[in-house]
């Protein structure tokens, strides 16, 4: 999990989201958000030094959008569809 306080450069509004807000946006459990951040797949930061409590978790809105963009699965075309 990164600790930098600078938002990823994107255009438009970019706000900090807590773990619950990220989970709602991704439609996953809050624990999944923490696992994604710990694995480095979701760029996030922890504010403060509390290791037992996760209240300081923050993630830039653009980082969530970037994660969603990387998670898109493109449609697979079969040879039957291309021949028709």
Protein backbone atom coordinates (compact mmCIF):
# COMPACT_ATOMS: atom_id res chain seq x y z
CA UNK A 1 0.00 0.00 0.00
CA UNK A 2 1.46 3.33 -1.01
CA UNK A 3 1.77 6.22 1.40
CA UNK A 4 2.06 9.11 -1.04
CA UNK A 5 -0.44 11.92 -0.62
CA UNK A 6 -0.50 13.11 -4.24
CA UNK A 7 -3.49 12.12 -6.37
CA UNK A 8 -2.88 10.34 -9.65
CA UNK A 9 -3.00 12.90 -12.45
CA UNK A 10 -6.36 12.88 -14.18
CA UNK A 11 -8.82 15.46 -15.35
CA UNK A 12 -11.99 16.27 -13.43
CA UNK A 13 -12.88 16.03 -9.76
CA UNK A 14 -10.77 13.68 -7.68
CA UNK A 15 -11.66 13.07 -4.07
CA UNK A 16 -10.43 10.74 -1.35
CA UNK A 17 -12.66 7.77 -0.61
CA UNK A 18 -12.66 5.60 2.50
CA UNK A 19 -12.77 1.79 2.36
CA UNK A 20 -16.54 1.63 2.68
CA UNK A 21 -17.05 4.06 -0.20
CA UNK A 22 -14.61 2.12 -2.39
CA UNK A 23 -16.38 -1.16 -1.52
CA UNK A 24 -19.74 0.33 -2.48
CA UNK A 25 -18.36 1.59 -5.79
CA UNK A 26 -16.75 -1.79 -6.61
CA UNK A 27 -19.72 -3.73 -5.18
CA UNK A 28 -17.46 -5.89 -3.02
CA UNK A 29 -16.94 -6.45 0.71
CA UNK A 30 -14.75 -3.98 2.60
CA UNK A 31 -12.25 -6.76 3.35
CA UNK A 32 -11.77 -7.22 -0.41
CA UNK A 33 -10.83 -3.55 -0.72
CA UNK A 34 -8.15 -3.98 1.95
CA UNK A 35 -6.81 -7.10 0.20
CA UNK A 36 -6.65 -5.28 -3.14
CA UNK A 37 -4.72 -2.43 -1.52
CA UNK A 38 -2.34 -4.75 0.35
CA UNK A 39 -1.60 -6.69 -2.85
CA UNK A 40 -0.85 -3.45 -4.71
CA UNK A 41 -3.62 -3.92 -7.27
CA UNK A 42 -5.48 -0.88 -5.90
CA UNK A 43 -3.47 2.24 -5.16
CA UNK A 44 -4.33 3.41 -1.64
CA UNK A 45 -2.77 4.97 1.43
CA UNK A 46 -3.06 4.70 5.17
CA UNK A 47 -3.20 7.89 7.21
CA UNK A 48 -1.81 7.80 10.73
CA UNK A 49 0.05 5.01 12.44
CA UNK A 50 -2.82 2.84 13.71
CA UNK A 51 -2.10 -0.71 12.64
CA UNK A 52 -5.01 -2.38 14.43
CA UNK A 53 -7.70 0.01 13.28
CA UNK A 54 -8.14 0.70 9.61
CA UNK A 55 -9.93 4.01 9.94
CA UNK A 56 -7.13 5.86 8.17
CA UNK A 57 -7.53 4.03 4.85
CA UNK A 58 -7.98 6.38 1.89
CA UNK A 59 -8.01 5.86 -1.85
CA UNK A 60 -8.22 8.42 -4.62
CA UNK A 61 -11.35 8.20 -6.72
CA UNK A 62 -9.21 8.16 -9.87
CA UNK A 63 -7.30 5.13 -8.52
CA UNK A 64 -10.59 3.25 -8.20
CA UNK A 65 -11.50 4.25 -11.76
CA UNK A 66 -8.06 3.11 -12.96
CA UNK A 67 -8.52 -0.26 -11.22
CA UNK A 68 -11.91 -0.66 -12.88
CA UNK A 69 -10.41 0.24 -16.25
CA UNK A 70 -7.71 -2.41 -15.86
CA UNK A 71 -10.33 -4.99 -14.88
CA UNK A 72 -12.36 -4.75 -18.07
CA UNK A 73 -12.61 -7.98 -20.01
CA UNK A 74 -12.93 -7.58 -23.74
CA UNK A 75 -15.39 -9.66 -25.71
CA UNK A 76 -14.01 -12.77 -27.34
CA UNK A 77 -15.14 -13.46 -30.87
CA UNK A 78 -15.28 -16.98 -32.16
CA UNK A 79 -14.46 -18.06 -35.70
CA UNK A 80 -18.17 -18.69 -36.36
CA UNK A 81 -19.01 -15.07 -35.53
CA UNK A 82 -16.23 -13.69 -37.75
CA UNK A 83 -17.22 -15.96 -40.68
CA UNK A 84 -20.88 -14.85 -40.61
